[in-house]
N, C-alpha and C. Protein backbone atom coordinates (compact mmCIF):
# COMPACT_ATOMS: atom_id res chain seq x y z
N MET A 1 -30.02 3.33 22.97
CA MET A 1 -28.89 2.50 22.62
C MET A 1 -28.16 3.11 21.43
N ALA A 2 -26.87 3.18 21.50
CA ALA A 2 -26.07 3.78 20.43
C ALA A 2 -25.78 2.73 19.36
N VAL A 3 -25.84 3.16 18.14
CA VAL A 3 -25.52 2.27 17.02
C VAL A 3 -24.02 2.36 16.79
N PRO A 4 -23.34 1.21 16.75
CA PRO A 4 -21.89 1.25 16.54
C PRO A 4 -21.57 1.73 15.12
N ALA A 5 -20.52 2.51 15.03
CA ALA A 5 -20.08 3.00 13.72
C ALA A 5 -19.43 1.85 12.97
N THR A 6 -19.81 1.70 11.73
CA THR A 6 -19.24 0.62 10.93
C THR A 6 -18.08 1.17 10.12
N ALA A 7 -17.01 0.44 10.12
CA ALA A 7 -15.85 0.83 9.33
C ALA A 7 -15.74 -0.15 8.17
N SER A 8 -15.61 0.38 6.99
CA SER A 8 -15.48 -0.51 5.85
C SER A 8 -14.02 -0.91 5.71
N ALA A 9 -13.81 -2.19 5.53
CA ALA A 9 -12.46 -2.70 5.38
C ALA A 9 -11.98 -2.49 3.95
N ILE A 10 -10.69 -2.23 3.82
CA ILE A 10 -10.15 -2.06 2.48
C ILE A 10 -9.88 -3.44 1.88
N THR A 11 -9.89 -3.51 0.58
CA THR A 11 -9.65 -4.78 -0.08
C THR A 11 -8.15 -5.06 -0.15
N VAL A 12 -7.82 -6.29 -0.40
CA VAL A 12 -6.43 -6.70 -0.50
C VAL A 12 -5.76 -6.00 -1.68
N GLU A 13 -6.50 -5.86 -2.77
CA GLU A 13 -5.93 -5.22 -3.96
C GLU A 13 -5.58 -3.76 -3.69
N VAL A 14 -6.46 -3.05 -2.99
CA VAL A 14 -6.21 -1.65 -2.68
C VAL A 14 -5.03 -1.54 -1.72
N ALA A 15 -4.98 -2.40 -0.72
CA ALA A 15 -3.88 -2.37 0.24
C ALA A 15 -2.54 -2.65 -0.44
N ARG A 16 -2.51 -3.60 -1.34
CA ARG A 16 -1.26 -3.92 -2.06
C ARG A 16 -0.85 -2.78 -2.97
N ALA A 17 -1.82 -2.19 -3.67
CA ALA A 17 -1.51 -1.07 -4.57
C ALA A 17 -0.97 0.11 -3.78
N CYS A 18 -1.58 0.39 -2.64
CA CYS A 18 -1.14 1.51 -1.83
C CYS A 18 0.22 1.24 -1.17
N ASP A 19 0.45 0.00 -0.77
CA ASP A 19 1.74 -0.36 -0.21
C ASP A 19 2.84 -0.19 -1.25
N ALA A 20 2.57 -0.59 -2.48
CA ALA A 20 3.54 -0.42 -3.56
C ALA A 20 3.75 1.05 -3.87
N ALA A 21 2.70 1.85 -3.82
CA ALA A 21 2.82 3.28 -4.08
C ALA A 21 3.65 3.97 -3.00
N VAL A 22 3.47 3.56 -1.75
CA VAL A 22 4.25 4.13 -0.65
C VAL A 22 5.72 3.74 -0.82
N ALA A 23 5.98 2.48 -1.18
CA ALA A 23 7.36 2.04 -1.37
C ALA A 23 8.02 2.77 -2.54
N LYS A 24 7.23 3.13 -3.55
CA LYS A 24 7.77 3.86 -4.69
C LYS A 24 8.02 5.32 -4.32
N ALA A 25 7.11 5.92 -3.59
CA ALA A 25 7.24 7.32 -3.21
C ALA A 25 8.29 7.52 -2.10
N PHE A 26 8.39 6.55 -1.20
CA PHE A 26 9.34 6.60 -0.09
C PHE A 26 10.14 5.30 -0.09
N PRO A 27 11.10 5.15 -1.00
CA PRO A 27 11.83 3.88 -1.08
C PRO A 27 12.57 3.57 0.22
N PRO A 28 12.57 2.30 0.61
CA PRO A 28 13.24 1.95 1.86
C PRO A 28 14.76 2.07 1.73
N ARG A 29 15.42 2.37 2.80
CA ARG A 29 16.88 2.47 2.82
C ARG A 29 17.47 1.08 2.74
N GLN A 30 18.63 0.99 2.13
CA GLN A 30 19.34 -0.28 2.03
C GLN A 30 20.67 -0.16 2.75
N ILE A 31 20.95 -1.13 3.59
CA ILE A 31 22.19 -1.12 4.35
C ILE A 31 23.35 -1.31 3.38
N GLY A 32 24.37 -0.47 3.50
CA GLY A 32 25.55 -0.58 2.66
C GLY A 32 25.45 0.15 1.34
N ASN A 33 24.28 0.73 1.03
CA ASN A 33 24.11 1.45 -0.21
C ASN A 33 23.56 2.84 0.12
N PRO A 34 24.45 3.81 0.30
CA PRO A 34 23.98 5.13 0.71
C PRO A 34 23.15 5.84 -0.36
N ALA A 35 23.25 5.41 -1.61
CA ALA A 35 22.48 6.05 -2.67
C ALA A 35 21.05 5.52 -2.73
N ALA A 36 20.78 4.41 -2.11
CA ALA A 36 19.45 3.81 -2.17
C ALA A 36 18.60 4.31 -1.01
N GLY A 37 17.35 4.47 -1.30
CA GLY A 37 16.41 4.83 -0.25
C GLY A 37 16.09 6.30 -0.22
N SER A 38 15.07 6.59 0.53
CA SER A 38 14.55 7.95 0.59
C SER A 38 14.97 8.61 1.89
N THR A 39 15.39 9.83 1.79
CA THR A 39 15.67 10.61 2.98
C THR A 39 14.57 11.63 3.20
N LYS A 40 13.59 11.65 2.29
CA LYS A 40 12.51 12.61 2.42
C LYS A 40 11.33 11.96 3.14
N GLY A 41 10.63 12.75 3.86
CA GLY A 41 9.42 12.26 4.50
C GLY A 41 9.68 11.53 5.80
N THR A 42 8.70 11.59 6.66
CA THR A 42 8.77 10.89 7.94
C THR A 42 7.76 9.75 7.92
N ALA A 43 7.72 9.00 8.99
CA ALA A 43 6.74 7.92 9.09
C ALA A 43 5.32 8.49 9.02
N LYS A 44 5.13 9.67 9.58
CA LYS A 44 3.81 10.31 9.52
C LYS A 44 3.45 10.63 8.07
N ASP A 45 4.42 11.12 7.30
CA ASP A 45 4.18 11.41 5.88
C ASP A 45 3.79 10.15 5.13
N GLN A 46 4.46 9.05 5.44
CA GLN A 46 4.16 7.78 4.78
C GLN A 46 2.76 7.29 5.13
N ARG A 47 2.37 7.41 6.40
CA ARG A 47 1.02 7.00 6.81
C ARG A 47 -0.04 7.85 6.12
N GLU A 48 0.19 9.17 6.05
CA GLU A 48 -0.77 10.05 5.39
C GLU A 48 -0.88 9.74 3.90
N TYR A 49 0.25 9.41 3.27
CA TYR A 49 0.26 9.04 1.86
C TYR A 49 -0.54 7.75 1.64
N PHE A 50 -0.34 6.78 2.53
CA PHE A 50 -1.08 5.52 2.45
C PHE A 50 -2.57 5.76 2.63
N GLN A 51 -2.94 6.56 3.60
CA GLN A 51 -4.36 6.84 3.86
C GLN A 51 -4.99 7.58 2.69
N LYS A 52 -4.24 8.50 2.07
CA LYS A 52 -4.75 9.20 0.89
C LYS A 52 -4.98 8.21 -0.24
N CYS A 53 -4.06 7.27 -0.39
CA CYS A 53 -4.18 6.25 -1.43
C CYS A 53 -5.41 5.38 -1.19
N VAL A 54 -5.61 4.95 0.04
CA VAL A 54 -6.77 4.12 0.38
C VAL A 54 -8.06 4.89 0.14
N ALA A 55 -8.07 6.16 0.49
CA ALA A 55 -9.26 6.98 0.29
C ALA A 55 -9.60 7.12 -1.20
N ASN A 56 -8.59 7.02 -2.06
CA ASN A 56 -8.79 7.13 -3.50
C ASN A 56 -8.83 5.77 -4.19
N ASN A 57 -9.13 4.72 -3.45
CA ASN A 57 -9.22 3.36 -3.98
C ASN A 57 -7.96 2.88 -4.68
N GLY A 58 -6.81 3.18 -4.11
CA GLY A 58 -5.56 2.68 -4.64
C GLY A 58 -4.92 3.54 -5.69
N LYS A 59 -5.46 4.72 -5.92
CA LYS A 59 -4.89 5.62 -6.92
C LYS A 59 -4.37 6.87 -6.23
N VAL A 60 -3.14 7.24 -6.55
CA VAL A 60 -2.56 8.46 -6.00
C VAL A 60 -2.06 9.32 -7.15
N ASP A 61 -2.09 10.60 -6.93
CA ASP A 61 -1.64 11.54 -7.95
C ASP A 61 -0.20 11.90 -7.66
N ASP A 62 0.74 11.26 -8.37
CA ASP A 62 2.16 11.48 -8.13
C ASP A 62 2.78 12.47 -9.09
N ILE A 63 1.99 13.13 -9.93
CA ILE A 63 2.54 14.04 -10.91
C ILE A 63 2.95 15.33 -10.19
N PRO A 64 4.22 15.71 -10.28
CA PRO A 64 4.64 16.94 -9.64
C PRO A 64 3.97 18.15 -10.27
N ALA A 65 3.81 19.21 -9.52
CA ALA A 65 3.11 20.39 -10.00
C ALA A 65 3.85 21.07 -11.15
N ASP A 66 5.19 20.98 -11.16
CA ASP A 66 5.95 21.65 -12.20
C ASP A 66 6.20 20.77 -13.43
N ALA A 67 5.69 19.56 -13.45
CA ALA A 67 5.88 18.66 -14.59
C ALA A 67 4.94 19.05 -15.72
N PRO A 68 5.41 18.91 -16.98
CA PRO A 68 4.52 19.23 -18.11
C PRO A 68 3.37 18.23 -18.20
N LYS A 69 2.24 18.70 -18.69
CA LYS A 69 1.06 17.84 -18.76
C LYS A 69 1.15 16.82 -19.88
N ASP A 70 1.86 17.16 -20.98
CA ASP A 70 1.98 16.22 -22.09
C ASP A 70 3.39 15.62 -22.11
N ASN A 71 3.55 14.56 -22.89
CA ASN A 71 4.83 13.88 -22.97
C ASN A 71 5.63 14.29 -24.19
N LYS A 72 5.27 15.39 -24.83
CA LYS A 72 5.98 15.84 -26.03
C LYS A 72 7.31 16.46 -25.63
N PRO A 73 8.36 16.16 -26.38
CA PRO A 73 9.64 16.78 -26.04
C PRO A 73 9.62 18.27 -26.36
N THR A 74 10.27 19.04 -25.53
CA THR A 74 10.32 20.47 -25.76
C THR A 74 11.55 20.80 -26.58
N LYS A 75 11.44 21.86 -27.38
CA LYS A 75 12.57 22.24 -28.24
C LYS A 75 13.26 23.46 -27.70
């Protein structure tokens, strides 16, 4: 007899945090406002971003690779 694979459910807090992170990374388009919303990424990109967030318990690394590590102003 095969043992069924158990899938752990994500918590509401993690789902909400990841949903907010996806909305921030891929803002939804707004009708009548061409400047609002994201033109980058596809639905697949959004799903992968959400899954990455869930895998990291609601934390995603949004720091761009070319961004400075510290917050000190440069001269």
